Amino acid sequence: MLEMATIGQIVRDERKELGLRQDELAAASGVGLRFIVELERGKATAQIGKVITVLAALGCELQIRRPDGIVIAGQPA
């Protein structure tokens, strides 16, 4: 199961790979700087809608996969 700490680390890694500062990612995704900081720290109360918006700003998406491996939301990589 994917945990918020893992999602936060992915967001941080992708942001740095793109050469973005936290405030730039916040502006690009329409969320506050504090949200980005808390998301990257793995705060468990992060709102899923905002997480998806931040991932989209990074060019990423969230997938939902059934135990049998079939992707039921999002596109396979």
C-alpha atoms as a PDB file:
ATOM      1  CA  MET A   1       0.000   0.000   0.000  1.00  0.00           C
ATOM      2  CA  LEU A   2       1.301   3.424  -0.953  1.00  0.00           C
ATOM      3  CA  GLU A   3       1.706   5.656   2.092  1.00  0.00           C
ATOM      4  CA  MET A   4       1.631   9.456   2.258  1.00  0.00           C
ATOM      5  CA  ALA A   5       5.332   9.538   3.136  1.00  0.00           C
ATOM      6  CA  THR A   6       6.077   7.710  -0.123  1.00  0.00           C
ATOM      7  CA  ILE A   7       3.855  10.040  -2.146  1.00  0.00           C
ATOM      8  CA  GLY A   8       5.542  13.011  -0.491  1.00  0.00           C
ATOM      9  CA  GLN A   9       8.985  11.698  -1.393  1.00  0.00           C
ATOM     10  CA  ILE A  10       7.886  11.125  -4.992  1.00  0.00           C
ATOM     11  CA  VAL A  11       6.551  14.686  -5.202  1.00  0.00           C
ATOM     12  CA  ARG A  12       9.797  16.068  -3.763  1.00  0.00           C
ATOM     13  CA  ASP A  13      11.958  14.002  -6.127  1.00  0.00           C
ATOM     14  CA  GLU A  14       9.917  14.958  -9.207  1.00  0.00           C
ATOM     15  CA  ARG A  15       9.889  18.637  -8.217  1.00  0.00           C
ATOM     16  CA  LYS A  16      13.656  18.671  -7.830  1.00  0.00           C
ATOM     17  CA  GLU A  17      14.119  16.763 -11.101  1.00  0.00           C
ATOM     18  CA  LEU A  18      12.148  19.523 -12.839  1.00  0.00           C
ATOM     19  CA  GLY A  19      14.217  22.203 -11.098  1.00  0.00           C
ATOM     20  CA  LEU A  20      11.226  23.708  -9.305  1.00  0.00           C
ATOM     21  CA  ARG A  21      11.178  25.342  -5.892  1.00  0.00           C
ATOM     22  CA  GLN A  22       8.330  24.500  -3.543  1.00  0.00           C
ATOM     23  CA  ASP A  23       6.724  27.912  -4.077  1.00  0.00           C
ATOM     24  CA  GLU A  24       6.890  27.472  -7.851  1.00  0.00           C
ATOM     25  CA  LEU A  25       5.166  24.091  -7.639  1.00  0.00           C
ATOM     26  CA  ALA A  26       2.536  25.580  -5.343  1.00  0.00           C
ATOM     27  CA  ALA A  27       1.824  28.335  -7.880  1.00  0.00           C
ATOM     28  CA  ALA A  28       1.795  25.904 -10.827  1.00  0.00           C
ATOM     29  CA  SER A  29      -0.684  23.606  -9.099  1.00  0.00           C
ATOM     30  CA  GLY A  30      -2.870  26.293  -7.502  1.00  0.00           C
ATOM     31  CA  VAL A  31      -2.253  25.256  -3.904  1.00  0.00           C
ATOM     32  CA  GLY A  32      -0.533  27.010  -1.034  1.00  0.00           C
ATOM     33  CA  LEU A  33       3.145  26.692  -0.200  1.00  0.00           C
ATOM     34  CA  ARG A  34       2.262  25.190   3.179  1.00  0.00           C
ATOM     35  CA  PHE A  35       0.359  22.387   1.434  1.00  0.00           C
ATOM     36  CA  ILE A  36       3.426  21.503  -0.665  1.00  0.00           C
ATOM     37  CA  VAL A  37       5.676  21.539   2.407  1.00  0.00           C
ATOM     38  CA  GLU A  38       3.297  19.286   4.347  1.00  0.00           C
ATOM     39  CA  LEU A  39       2.736  16.991   1.369  1.00  0.00           C
ATOM     40  CA  GLU A  40       6.476  16.491   0.896  1.00  0.00           C
ATOM     41  CA  ARG A  41       6.782  15.718   4.609  1.00  0.00           C
ATOM     42  CA  GLY A  42       4.161  12.983   4.215  1.00  0.00           C
ATOM     43  CA  LYS A  43       1.431  14.586   6.293  1.00  0.00           C
ATOM     44  CA  ALA A  44      -1.365  12.030   6.398  1.00  0.00           C
ATOM     45  CA  THR A  45      -4.184  14.584   6.305  1.00  0.00           C
ATOM     46  CA  ALA A  46      -3.334  15.912   2.838  1.00  0.00           C
ATOM     47  CA  GLN A  47      -6.476  16.307   0.692  1.00  0.00           C
ATOM     48  CA  ILE A  48      -6.460  13.774  -2.142  1.00  0.00           C
ATOM     49  CA  GLY A  49      -7.870  16.254  -4.661  1.00  0.00           C
ATOM     50  CA  LYS A  50      -5.004  18.636  -4.036  1.00  0.00           C
ATOM     51  CA  VAL A  51      -2.488  15.771  -4.177  1.00  0.00           C
ATOM     52  CA  ILE A  52      -3.802  14.811  -7.620  1.00  0.00           C
ATOM     53  CA  THR A  53      -3.577  18.459  -8.750  1.00  0.00           C
ATOM     54  CA  VAL A  54       0.050  18.687  -7.578  1.00  0.00           C
ATOM     55  CA  LEU A  55       0.916  15.409  -9.318  1.00  0.00           C
ATOM     56  CA  ALA A  56      -0.665  16.708 -12.533  1.00  0.00           C
ATOM     57  CA  ALA A  57       1.412  19.905 -12.317  1.00  0.00           C
ATOM     58  CA  LEU A  58       4.486  17.653 -12.195  1.00  0.00           C
ATOM     59  CA  GLY A  59       3.298  15.714 -15.236  1.00  0.00           C
ATOM     60  CA  CYS A  60       2.440  12.666 -13.111  1.00  0.00           C
ATOM     61  CA  GLU A  61      -0.801  10.881 -12.384  1.00  0.00           C
ATOM     62  CA  LEU A  62      -2.235   8.650  -9.705  1.00  0.00           C
ATOM     63  CA  GLN A  63      -3.294   5.131 -10.667  1.00  0.00           C
ATOM     64  CA  ILE A  64      -5.734   2.849  -8.912  1.00  0.00           C
ATOM     65  CA  ARG A  65      -4.885  -0.789  -9.484  1.00  0.00           C
ATOM     66  CA  ARG A  66      -6.896  -3.821  -8.399  1.00  0.00           C
ATOM     67  CA  PRO A  67      -5.080  -6.732  -6.731  1.00  0.00           C
ATOM     68  CA  ASP A  68      -5.202  -8.620 -10.055  1.00  0.00           C
ATOM     69  CA  GLY A  69      -3.105  -5.837 -11.616  1.00  0.00           C
ATOM     70  CA  ILE A  70      -5.839  -4.238 -13.709  1.00  0.00           C
ATOM     71  CA  VAL A  71      -5.698  -0.429 -13.672  1.00  0.00           C
ATOM     72  CA  ILE A  72      -9.194   0.894 -13.013  1.00  0.00           C
ATOM     73  CA  ALA A  73      -8.326   4.614 -12.891  1.00  0.00           C
ATOM     74  CA  GLY A  74      -5.478   6.435 -14.586  1.00  0.00           C
ATOM     75  CA  GLN A  75      -3.378   5.119 -17.430  1.00  0.00           C
ATOM     76  CA  PRO A  76      -0.606   2.526 -17.216  1.00  0.00           C
ATOM     77  CA  ALA A  77       2.895   3.983 -17.372  1.00  0.00           C
END
